[in-house]
Amino acid sequence: MRVYHTAMSLGLVNSIIEQIGVTFEHLAPYLVFAGVVFPILTARYACNKTGPWWRSRELMTDLCYWFVVPVFTRFLRIGLLVLGAALLFGITDETQLIAFFDRGHGPWAALPFWAQVSIYLLASDMLLYGSHRLFHNMPLWKYHAVHHSSEVVEWTSAARFHPVNLSLGTVLVDVVLLLSGIPPLVLSVLVPFNVFMSVFVHANLNWSLGPFKYLIASPVFHRWHHTGPDQGGNKNFASTFSFIDLLFGTFYMPPNALPSHYGVDMPHFPQSFGGQLLHPFRG
């Protein structure tokens, strides 16, 4: 029995290591692109004079979020999809599961691919908007505060999310939409787009996108969201489409002004990766 448990533990460790490698392989092109392009852009269009991203005192913490947390969310997403298919549709066989998710099911699966992508993009942003607003209230704020703890907002800040925040946000939204019938192939298009949008809106740029600011989220739009609640901290919740904030009265971009201070008003908030993961559970 002890040998069996040891083998199981080694198998789990190997699987985790393998997923970390897969995560690095998928993320490396984005990190290289962002790491090279954004410093060039910020040399001319910086919103805040904070120096290059590689000198940030928060860099090691952010890198841990980039490479460790996605492994957890990948396992969780797969597990919830398998559990949902079993509970909602009675599908437990591996071959049937693959067939069930491969091309989607129901009315949405019959739509053209461009329509599936459009529906997923808009529906996910609407659901994430609602989830985001919930996380700005207790008792969920203690998890989302991790993301807002960045005092130097840079493109590297994009991945700083507590696993609980991701589980009840992005992961849950993906699972709901995939179980409703949208095929996973849609994610192959939207995952790169979502990663790009996330690093873009967190980039240290003074871009507001002019008249398009009412349609698409911009760096200035999202940087206001990282300010104090007396400014834009409780505004600009949308991840991609800023018009969602317009619809619900939470759009905030004061004219001729740029945000300057970020972080959370929580004394002694931990700066380390491990400390931030444990922080919500301490009292």
C-alpha atoms as a PDB file:
ATOM      1  CA  MET A   1       0.000   0.000   0.000  1.00  0.00           C
ATOM      2  CA  ARG A   2       2.851   2.366   0.871  1.00  0.00           C
ATOM      3  CA  VAL A   3       4.487   1.634  -2.497  1.00  0.00           C
ATOM      4  CA  TYR A   4       1.183   2.384  -4.228  1.00  0.00           C
ATOM      5  CA  HIS A   5       0.817   5.757  -2.490  1.00  0.00           C
ATOM      6  CA  THR A   6       4.452   6.584  -3.250  1.00  0.00           C
ATOM      7  CA  ALA A   7       3.897   5.804  -6.922  1.00  0.00           C
ATOM      8  CA  MET A   8       0.744   7.943  -6.934  1.00  0.00           C
ATOM      9  CA  SER A   9       2.612  10.831  -5.311  1.00  0.00           C
ATOM     10  CA  LEU A  10       5.481  10.581  -7.804  1.00  0.00           C
ATOM     11  CA  GLY A  11       2.979  10.462 -10.659  1.00  0.00           C
ATOM     12  CA  LEU A  12       1.286  13.614  -9.378  1.00  0.00           C
ATOM     13  CA  VAL A  13       4.621  15.413  -8.973  1.00  0.00           C
ATOM     14  CA  ASN A  14       5.685  14.400 -12.492  1.00  0.00           C
ATOM     15  CA  SER A  15       2.354  15.582 -13.875  1.00  0.00           C
ATOM     16  CA  ILE A  16       2.707  18.944 -12.138  1.00  0.00           C
ATOM     17  CA  ILE A  17       6.264  19.367 -13.417  1.00  0.00           C
ATOM     18  CA  GLU A  18       5.086  18.470 -16.917  1.00  0.00           C
ATOM     19  CA  GLN A  19       2.281  21.049 -16.718  1.00  0.00           C
ATOM     20  CA  ILE A  20       4.719  23.725 -15.555  1.00  0.00           C
ATOM     21  CA  GLY A  21       6.773  22.932 -18.668  1.00  0.00           C
ATOM     22  CA  VAL A  22       3.673  23.165 -20.866  1.00  0.00           C
ATOM     23  CA  THR A  23       2.728  26.458 -19.210  1.00  0.00           C
ATOM     24  CA  PHE A  24       6.204  27.870 -19.862  1.00  0.00           C
ATOM     25  CA  GLU A  25       6.065  26.697 -23.487  1.00  0.00           C
ATOM     26  CA  HIS A  26       2.704  28.402 -24.041  1.00  0.00           C
ATOM     27  CA  LEU A  27       3.544  31.616 -22.202  1.00  0.00           C
ATOM     28  CA  ALA A  28       7.129  32.126 -23.395  1.00  0.00           C
ATOM     29  CA  PRO A  29       6.209  33.841 -26.716  1.00  0.00           C
ATOM     30  CA  TYR A  30       3.932  36.331 -24.923  1.00  0.00           C
ATOM     31  CA  LEU A  31       6.479  37.061 -22.222  1.00  0.00           C
ATOM     32  CA  VAL A  32       9.260  37.614 -24.737  1.00  0.00           C
ATOM     33  CA  PHE A  33       7.034  39.876 -26.849  1.00  0.00           C
ATOM     34  CA  ALA A  34       5.810  41.905 -23.862  1.00  0.00           C
ATOM     35  CA  GLY A  35       9.255  42.034 -22.272  1.00  0.00           C
ATOM     36  CA  VAL A  36      10.778  43.528 -25.418  1.00  0.00           C
ATOM     37  CA  VAL A  37       7.990  45.645 -26.914  1.00  0.00           C
ATOM     38  CA  PHE A  38       6.545  47.354 -23.829  1.00  0.00           C
ATOM     39  CA  PRO A  39       9.851  48.847 -22.615  1.00  0.00           C
ATOM     40  CA  ILE A  40      10.276  50.387 -26.060  1.00  0.00           C
ATOM     41  CA  LEU A  41       6.779  51.858 -25.929  1.00  0.00           C
ATOM     42  CA  THR A  42       7.018  53.057 -22.327  1.00  0.00           C
ATOM     43  CA  ALA A  43      10.228  54.923 -23.143  1.00  0.00           C
ATOM     44  CA  ARG A  44       7.964  57.367 -24.974  1.00  0.00           C
ATOM     45  CA  TYR A  45       4.436  56.741 -23.722  1.00  0.00           C
ATOM     46  CA  ALA A  46       4.886  55.874 -20.027  1.00  0.00           C
ATOM     47  CA  CYS A  47       1.957  56.658 -17.772  1.00  0.00           C
ATOM     48  CA  ASN A  48       4.135  56.511 -14.637  1.00  0.00           C
ATOM     49  CA  LYS A  49       7.896  56.975 -14.333  1.00  0.00           C
ATOM     50  CA  THR A  50       8.677  53.746 -12.510  1.00  0.00           C
ATOM     51  CA  GLY A  51      11.657  52.387 -14.405  1.00  0.00           C
ATOM     52  CA  PRO A  52      11.911  49.202 -16.499  1.00  0.00           C
ATOM     53  CA  TRP A  53       9.817  46.208 -15.520  1.00  0.00           C
ATOM     54  CA  TRP A  54      12.822  43.975 -14.821  1.00  0.00           C
ATOM     55  CA  ARG A  55      13.868  46.254 -11.948  1.00  0.00           C
ATOM     56  CA  SER A  56      10.531  46.031 -10.180  1.00  0.00           C
ATOM     57  CA  ARG A  57      10.814  44.885  -6.569  1.00  0.00           C
ATOM     58  CA  GLU A  58       7.662  42.833  -7.173  1.00  0.00           C
ATOM     59  CA  LEU A  59       9.025  40.961 -10.193  1.00  0.00           C
ATOM     60  CA  MET A  60       9.746  37.596  -8.536  1.00  0.00           C
ATOM     61  CA  THR A  61       6.273  37.515  -6.977  1.00  0.00           C
ATOM     62  CA  ASP A  62       4.638  38.243 -10.325  1.00  0.00           C
ATOM     63  CA  LEU A  63       6.701  35.591 -12.121  1.00  0.00           C
ATOM     64  CA  CYS A  64       5.499  32.989  -9.615  1.00  0.00           C
ATOM     65  CA  TYR A  65       1.925  33.873 -10.514  1.00  0.00           C
ATOM     66  CA  TRP A  66       2.720  33.580 -14.218  1.00  0.00           C
ATOM     67  CA  PHE A  67       4.113  30.046 -13.977  1.00  0.00           C
ATOM     68  CA  VAL A  68       2.658  28.364 -10.875  1.00  0.00           C
ATOM     69  CA  VAL A  69      -1.014  29.354 -10.645  1.00  0.00           C
ATOM     70  CA  PRO A  70      -1.891  28.431 -14.300  1.00  0.00           C
ATOM     71  CA  VAL A  71      -0.959  24.815 -13.522  1.00  0.00           C
ATOM     72  CA  PHE A  72      -3.538  24.735 -10.728  1.00  0.00           C
ATOM     73  CA  THR A  73      -6.226  26.346 -12.865  1.00  0.00           C
ATOM     74  CA  ARG A  74      -5.577  23.946 -15.761  1.00  0.00           C
ATOM     75  CA  PHE A  75      -6.140  20.907 -13.534  1.00  0.00           C
ATOM     76  CA  LEU A  76      -9.190  22.545 -11.948  1.00  0.00           C
ATOM     77  CA  ARG A  77     -10.767  23.451 -15.288  1.00  0.00           C
ATOM     78  CA  ILE A  78     -10.405  19.898 -16.604  1.00  0.00           C
ATOM     79  CA  GLY A  79     -11.710  18.422 -13.360  1.00  0.00           C
ATOM     80  CA  LEU A  80     -14.792  20.654 -13.323  1.00  0.00           C
ATOM     81  CA  LEU A  81     -15.541  19.895 -16.980  1.00  0.00           C
ATOM     82  CA  VAL A  82     -15.380  16.153 -16.320  1.00  0.00           C
ATOM     83  CA  LEU A  83     -17.512  16.500 -13.182  1.00  0.00           C
ATOM     84  CA  GLY A  84     -20.042  18.728 -14.947  1.00  0.00           C
ATOM     85  CA  ALA A  85     -20.401  16.327 -17.876  1.00  0.00           C
ATOM     86  CA  ALA A  86     -21.001  13.449 -15.463  1.00  0.00           C
ATOM     87  CA  LEU A  87     -23.537  15.259 -13.267  1.00  0.00           C
ATOM     88  CA  LEU A  88     -25.438  17.164 -15.962  1.00  0.00           C
ATOM     89  CA  PHE A  89     -25.272  14.767 -18.905  1.00  0.00           C
ATOM     90  CA  GLY A  90     -24.408  11.391 -17.363  1.00  0.00           C
ATOM     91  CA  ILE A  91     -21.213  11.092 -19.424  1.00  0.00           C
ATOM     92  CA  THR A  92     -18.356   9.299 -17.669  1.00  0.00           C
ATOM     93  CA  ASP A  93     -16.632   7.286 -20.395  1.00  0.00           C
ATOM     94  CA  GLU A  94     -13.387   8.879 -21.616  1.00  0.00           C
ATOM     95  CA  THR A  95     -14.177   8.373 -25.299  1.00  0.00           C
ATOM     96  CA  GLN A  96     -17.648   9.847 -24.854  1.00  0.00           C
ATOM     97  CA  LEU A  97     -16.204  12.795 -22.946  1.00  0.00           C
ATOM     98  CA  ILE A  98     -13.793  13.596 -25.757  1.00  0.00           C
ATOM     99  CA  ALA A  99     -16.565  13.334 -28.335  1.00  0.00           C
ATOM    100  CA  PHE A 100     -18.905  15.423 -26.168  1.00  0.00           C
ATOM    101  CA  PHE A 101     -16.508  18.344 -25.850  1.00  0.00           C
ATOM    102  CA  ASP A 102     -14.673  18.027 -29.142  1.00  0.00           C
ATOM    103  CA  ARG A 103     -17.144  19.877 -31.357  1.00  0.00           C
ATOM    104  CA  GLY A 104     -19.473  21.234 -28.708  1.00  0.00           C
ATOM    105  CA  HIS A 105     -23.155  20.386 -28.519  1.00  0.00           C
ATOM    106  CA  GLY A 106     -26.603  21.902 -28.727  1.00  0.00           C
ATOM    107  CA  PRO A 107     -27.621  24.999 -30.731  1.00  0.00           C
ATOM    108  CA  TRP A 108     -24.303  26.812 -30.208  1.00  0.00           C
ATOM    109  CA  ALA A 109     -22.344  23.977 -31.823  1.00  0.00           C
ATOM    110  CA  ALA A 110     -24.295  24.476 -35.069  1.00  0.00           C
ATOM    111  CA  LEU A 111     -23.228  28.114 -35.403  1.00  0.00           C
ATOM    112  CA  PRO A 112     -20.353  29.238 -37.666  1.00  0.00           C
ATOM    113  CA  PHE A 113     -16.999  29.361 -35.922  1.00  0.00           C
ATOM    114  CA  TRP A 114     -16.783  33.177 -36.076  1.00  0.00           C
ATOM    115  CA  ALA A 115     -20.183  33.380 -34.336  1.00  0.00           C
ATOM    116  CA  GLN A 116     -19.046  30.955 -31.626  1.00  0.00           C
ATOM    117  CA  VAL A 117     -15.941  33.062 -31.001  1.00  0.00           C
ATOM    118  CA  SER A 118     -17.995  36.278 -30.881  1.00  0.00           C
ATOM    119  CA  ILE A 119     -20.557  34.822 -28.471  1.00  0.00           C
ATOM    120  CA  TYR A 120     -17.878  33.401 -26.194  1.00  0.00           C
ATOM    121  CA  LEU A 121     -15.929  36.653 -26.167  1.00  0.00           C
ATOM    122  CA  LEU A 122     -18.934  38.806 -25.290  1.00  0.00           C
ATOM    123  CA  ALA A 123     -20.599  36.336 -22.915  1.00  0.00           C
ATOM    124  CA  SER A 124     -17.386  35.667 -20.997  1.00  0.00           C
ATOM    125  CA  ASP A 125     -16.663  39.381 -20.628  1.00  0.00           C
ATOM    126  CA  MET A 126     -20.188  40.013 -19.324  1.00  0.00           C
ATOM    127  CA  LEU A 127     -19.910  37.167 -16.822  1.00  0.00           C
ATOM    128  CA  LEU A 128     -16.432  38.237 -15.739  1.00  0.00           C
ATOM    129  CA  TYR A 129     -17.701  41.793 -15.275  1.00  0.00           C
ATOM    130  CA  GLY A 130     -20.314  40.501 -12.827  1.00  0.00           C
ATOM    131  CA  SER A 131     -17.803  38.255 -11.084  1.00  0.00           C
ATOM    132  CA  HIS A 132     -15.318  41.123 -10.848  1.00  0.00           C
ATOM    133  CA  ARG A 133     -17.859  43.368  -9.135  1.00  0.00           C
ATOM    134  CA  LEU A 134     -18.671  40.635  -6.635  1.00  0.00           C
ATOM    135  CA  PHE A 135     -14.986  40.308  -5.761  1.00  0.00           C
ATOM    136  CA  HIS A 136     -14.912  43.971  -4.801  1.00  0.00           C
ATOM    137  CA  ASN A 137     -17.211  43.203  -1.891  1.00  0.00           C
ATOM    138  CA  MET A 138     -16.668  41.239   1.285  1.00  0.00           C
ATOM    139  CA  PRO A 139     -16.027  38.412   1.870  1.00  0.00           C
ATOM    140  CA  LEU A 140     -14.503  37.942  -1.617  1.00  0.00           C
ATOM    141  CA  TRP A 141     -12.428  41.128  -1.577  1.00  0.00           C
ATOM    142  CA  LYS A 142      -9.704  39.521   0.556  1.00  0.00           C
ATOM    143  CA  TYR A 143      -8.894  37.248  -2.406  1.00  0.00           C
ATOM    144  CA  HIS A 144      -9.110  39.954  -5.068  1.00  0.00           C
ATOM    145  CA  ALA A 145      -6.998  42.314  -2.958  1.00  0.00           C
ATOM    146  CA  VAL A 146      -4.033  40.188  -4.029  1.00  0.00           C
ATOM    147  CA  HIS A 147      -4.409  41.494  -7.578  1.00  0.00           C
ATOM    148  CA  HIS A 148      -4.748  45.068  -6.368  1.00  0.00           C
ATOM    149  CA  SER A 149      -1.711  44.777  -4.113  1.00  0.00           C
ATOM    150  CA  SER A 150       0.608  45.702  -6.996  1.00  0.00           C
ATOM    151  CA  GLU A 151       2.048  49.090  -6.128  1.00  0.00           C
ATOM    152  CA  VAL A 152       3.875  49.256  -9.453  1.00  0.00           C
ATOM    153  CA  VAL A 153       1.355  48.252 -12.112  1.00  0.00           C
ATOM    154  CA  GLU A 154       3.145  46.766 -15.102  1.00  0.00           C
ATOM    155  CA  TRP A 155       2.374  44.130 -17.715  1.00  0.00           C
ATOM    156  CA  THR A 156       3.920  41.611 -15.302  1.00  0.00           C
ATOM    157  CA  SER A 157       1.063  42.381 -12.871  1.00  0.00           C
ATOM    158  CA  ALA A 158      -1.466  40.795 -15.222  1.00  0.00           C
ATOM    159  CA  ALA A 159      -1.142  37.283 -13.771  1.00  0.00           C
ATOM    160  CA  ARG A 160      -1.285  38.258 -10.088  1.00  0.00           C
ATOM    161  CA  PHE A 161      -4.543  36.570  -9.070  1.00  0.00           C
ATOM    162  CA  HIS A 162      -5.252  34.419  -6.047  1.00  0.00           C
ATOM    163  CA  PRO A 163      -6.278  30.858  -7.047  1.00  0.00           C
ATOM    164  CA  VAL A 164      -9.668  31.335  -5.354  1.00  0.00           C
ATOM    165  CA  ASN A 165     -10.223  34.454  -7.444  1.00  0.00           C
ATOM    166  CA  LEU A 166      -9.388  32.573 -10.640  1.00  0.00           C
ATOM    167  CA  SER A 167     -11.461  29.539  -9.636  1.00  0.00           C
ATOM    168  CA  LEU A 168     -14.631  31.596  -9.113  1.00  0.00           C
ATOM    169  CA  GLY A 169     -13.840  33.892 -12.022  1.00  0.00           C
ATOM    170  CA  THR A 170     -12.130  32.846 -15.240  1.00  0.00           C
ATOM    171  CA  VAL A 171     -12.189  29.091 -14.610  1.00  0.00           C
ATOM    172  CA  LEU A 172     -15.867  28.987 -13.634  1.00  0.00           C
ATOM    173  CA  VAL A 173     -16.873  31.147 -16.608  1.00  0.00           C
ATOM    174  CA  ASP A 174     -14.948  28.892 -19.017  1.00  0.00           C
ATOM    175  CA  VAL A 175     -16.526  25.765 -17.542  1.00  0.00           C
ATOM    176  CA  VAL A 176     -20.056  27.182 -17.710  1.00  0.00           C
ATOM    177  CA  LEU A 177     -19.704  28.235 -21.348  1.00  0.00           C
ATOM    178  CA  LEU A 178     -18.040  24.987 -22.457  1.00  0.00           C
ATOM    179  CA  LEU A 179     -20.698  22.895 -20.724  1.00  0.00           C
ATOM    180  CA  SER A 180     -23.387  24.991 -22.379  1.00  0.00           C
ATOM    181  CA  GLY A 181     -22.174  23.873 -25.795  1.00  0.00           C
ATOM    182  CA  ILE A 182     -19.367  26.106 -27.046  1.00  0.00           C
ATOM    183  CA  PRO A 183     -16.541  23.862 -28.410  1.00  0.00           C
ATOM    184  CA  PRO A 184     -13.079  24.091 -26.784  1.00  0.00           C
ATOM    185  CA  LEU A 185     -11.616  24.994 -30.181  1.00  0.00           C
ATOM    186  CA  VAL A 186     -12.933  28.497 -29.539  1.00  0.00           C
ATOM    187  CA  LEU A 187     -10.490  28.797 -26.643  1.00  0.00           C
ATOM    188  CA  SER A 188      -7.572  28.095 -28.958  1.00  0.00           C
ATOM    189  CA  VAL A 189      -8.336  31.474 -30.537  1.00  0.00           C
ATOM    190  CA  LEU A 190      -9.409  33.387 -27.447  1.00  0.00           C
ATOM    191  CA  VAL A 191      -6.727  32.299 -24.966  1.00  0.00           C
ATOM    192  CA  PRO A 192      -3.950  34.084 -26.911  1.00  0.00           C
ATOM    193  CA  PHE A 193      -6.235  37.095 -27.358  1.00  0.00           C
ATOM    194  CA  ASN A 194      -7.118  37.196 -23.650  1.00  0.00           C
ATOM    195  CA  VAL A 195      -3.460  36.923 -22.622  1.00  0.00           C
ATOM    196  CA  PHE A 196      -2.608  39.792 -24.957  1.00  0.00           C
ATOM    197  CA  MET A 197      -5.456  41.966 -23.644  1.00  0.00           C
ATOM    198  CA  SER A 198      -4.471  41.261 -20.060  1.00  0.00           C
ATOM    199  CA  VAL A 199      -0.832  42.297 -20.519  1.00  0.00           C
ATOM    200  CA  PHE A 200      -1.910  45.243 -22.691  1.00  0.00           C
ATOM    201  CA  VAL A 201      -4.285  46.824 -20.165  1.00  0.00           C
ATOM    202  CA  HIS A 202      -1.717  46.381 -17.382  1.00  0.00           C
ATOM    203  CA  ALA A 203       1.109  47.909 -19.421  1.00  0.00           C
ATOM    204  CA  ASN A 204       2.587  51.180 -18.192  1.00  0.00           C
ATOM    205  CA  LEU A 205       1.223  53.217 -21.100  1.00  0.00           C
ATOM    206  CA  ASN A 206      -0.698  56.490 -21.179  1.00  0.00           C
ATOM    207  CA  TRP A 207      -2.914  55.240 -23.989  1.00  0.00           C
ATOM    208  CA  SER A 208      -6.645  55.844 -23.673  1.00  0.00           C
ATOM    209  CA  LEU A 209      -7.425  54.831 -27.309  1.00  0.00           C
ATOM    210  CA  GLY A 210      -9.186  58.120 -28.050  1.00  0.00           C
ATOM    211  CA  PRO A 211     -12.815  57.650 -29.156  1.00  0.00           C
ATOM    212  CA  PHE A 212     -12.408  53.864 -28.927  1.00  0.00           C
ATOM    213  CA  LYS A 213     -12.062  54.175 -25.134  1.00  0.00           C
ATOM    214  CA  TYR A 214     -15.837  53.712 -24.912  1.00  0.00           C
ATOM    215  CA  LEU A 215     -15.580  50.374 -26.711  1.00  0.00           C
ATOM    216  CA  ILE A 216     -12.301  48.651 -25.782  1.00  0.00           C
ATOM    217  CA  ALA A 217     -10.441  48.576 -22.473  1.00  0.00           C
ATOM    218  CA  SER A 218      -7.175  50.525 -22.577  1.00  0.00           C
ATOM    219  CA  PRO A 219      -4.167  50.796 -20.245  1.00  0.00           C
ATOM    220  CA  VAL A 220      -5.418  54.088 -18.779  1.00  0.00           C
ATOM    221  CA  PHE A 221      -8.929  52.643 -18.366  1.00  0.00           C
ATOM    222  CA  HIS A 222      -7.619  49.722 -16.333  1.00  0.00           C
ATOM    223  CA  ARG A 223      -4.973  51.659 -14.417  1.00  0.00           C
ATOM    224  CA  TRP A 224      -7.747  53.791 -12.918  1.00  0.00           C
ATOM    225  CA  HIS A 225      -9.241  50.538 -11.647  1.00  0.00           C
ATOM    226  CA  HIS A 226      -6.026  49.907  -9.685  1.00  0.00           C
ATOM    227  CA  THR A 227      -6.283  53.229  -7.840  1.00  0.00           C
ATOM    228  CA  GLY A 228      -8.030  53.802  -4.503  1.00  0.00           C
ATOM    229  CA  PRO A 229     -11.797  53.311  -4.153  1.00  0.00           C
ATOM    230  CA  ASP A 230     -12.227  57.095  -3.802  1.00  0.00           C
ATOM    231  CA  GLN A 231     -10.929  57.403  -7.376  1.00  0.00           C
ATOM    232  CA  GLY A 232     -11.482  54.610  -9.892  1.00  0.00           C
ATOM    233  CA  GLY A 233     -10.869  51.579  -7.671  1.00  0.00           C
ATOM    234  CA  ASN A 234     -14.535  50.617  -7.791  1.00  0.00           C
ATOM    235  CA  LYS A 235     -14.952  51.419 -11.477  1.00  0.00           C
ATOM    236  CA  ASN A 236     -13.848  49.951 -14.835  1.00  0.00           C
ATOM    237  CA  PHE A 237     -14.512  46.269 -14.137  1.00  0.00           C
ATOM    238  CA  ALA A 238     -14.614  45.009 -17.736  1.00  0.00           C
ATOM    239  CA  SER A 239     -11.691  42.937 -18.986  1.00  0.00           C
ATOM    240  CA  THR A 240     -12.063  43.633 -22.714  1.00  0.00           C
ATOM    241  CA  PHE A 241     -15.123  45.723 -23.566  1.00  0.00           C
ATOM    242  CA  SER A 242     -15.303  49.045 -21.740  1.00  0.00           C
ATOM    243  CA  PHE A 243     -18.811  49.639 -23.091  1.00  0.00           C
ATOM    244  CA  ILE A 244     -20.033  47.139 -20.474  1.00  0.00           C
ATOM    245  CA  ASP A 245     -19.000  49.630 -17.805  1.00  0.00           C
ATOM    246  CA  LEU A 246     -20.802  52.342 -19.738  1.00  0.00           C
ATOM    247  CA  LEU A 247     -23.973  50.240 -19.728  1.00  0.00           C
ATOM    248  CA  PHE A 248     -23.840  49.706 -15.962  1.00  0.00           C
ATOM    249  CA  GLY A 249     -22.640  53.149 -14.954  1.00  0.00           C
ATOM    250  CA  THR A 250     -19.177  52.128 -13.779  1.00  0.00           C
ATOM    251  CA  PHE A 251     -17.082  53.779 -16.499  1.00  0.00           C
ATOM    252  CA  TYR A 252     -14.421  56.143 -15.095  1.00  0.00           C
ATOM    253  CA  MET A 253     -11.855  58.062 -17.136  1.00  0.00           C
ATOM    254  CA  PRO A 254     -11.612  61.709 -16.010  1.00  0.00           C
ATOM    255  CA  PRO A 255     -10.436  64.004 -18.810  1.00  0.00           C
ATOM    256  CA  ASN A 256      -6.883  65.334 -18.826  1.00  0.00           C
ATOM    257  CA  ALA A 257      -5.854  63.169 -15.879  1.00  0.00           C
ATOM    258  CA  LEU A 258      -3.724  60.077 -15.366  1.00  0.00           C
ATOM    259  CA  PRO A 259      -3.617  57.748 -12.349  1.00  0.00           C
ATOM    260  CA  SER A 260      -0.479  57.882 -10.231  1.00  0.00           C
ATOM    261  CA  HIS A 261      -0.811  55.713  -7.102  1.00  0.00           C
ATOM    262  CA  TYR A 262      -1.761  52.058  -6.851  1.00  0.00           C
ATOM    263  CA  GLY A 263      -2.075  49.305  -4.267  1.00  0.00           C
ATOM    264  CA  VAL A 264      -4.392  48.464  -1.369  1.00  0.00           C
ATOM    265  CA  ASP A 265      -4.939  50.365   1.844  1.00  0.00           C
ATOM    266  CA  MET A 266      -4.060  47.343   3.957  1.00  0.00           C
ATOM    267  CA  PRO A 267      -1.045  47.774   6.264  1.00  0.00           C
ATOM    268  CA  HIS A 268       1.602  45.045   6.170  1.00  0.00           C
ATOM    269  CA  PHE A 269       0.085  43.328   3.134  1.00  0.00           C
ATOM    270  CA  PRO A 270       2.560  40.536   2.243  1.00  0.00           C
ATOM    271  CA  GLN A 271       4.742  41.005  -0.808  1.00  0.00           C
ATOM    272  CA  SER A 272       5.884  37.409  -1.259  1.00  0.00           C
ATOM    273  CA  PHE A 273       4.046  34.849  -3.389  1.00  0.00           C
ATOM    274  CA  GLY A 274       3.497  32.413  -0.529  1.00  0.00           C
ATOM    275  CA  GLY A 275       2.472  35.155   1.871  1.00  0.00           C
ATOM    276  CA  GLN A 276      -0.157  36.445  -0.543  1.00  0.00           C
ATOM    277  CA  LEU A 277      -1.602  32.963  -1.113  1.00  0.00           C
ATOM    278  CA  LEU A 278      -2.025  32.498   2.648  1.00  0.00           C
ATOM    279  CA  HIS A 279      -3.090  36.043   3.488  1.00  0.00           C
ATOM    280  CA  PRO A 280      -6.880  35.639   2.894  1.00  0.00           C
ATOM    281  CA  PHE A 281      -6.988  32.719   5.346  1.00  0.00           C
ATOM    282  CA  ARG A 282      -5.289  34.558   8.206  1.00  0.00           C
ATOM    283  CA  GLY A 283      -7.995  36.025  10.359  1.00  0.00           C
END
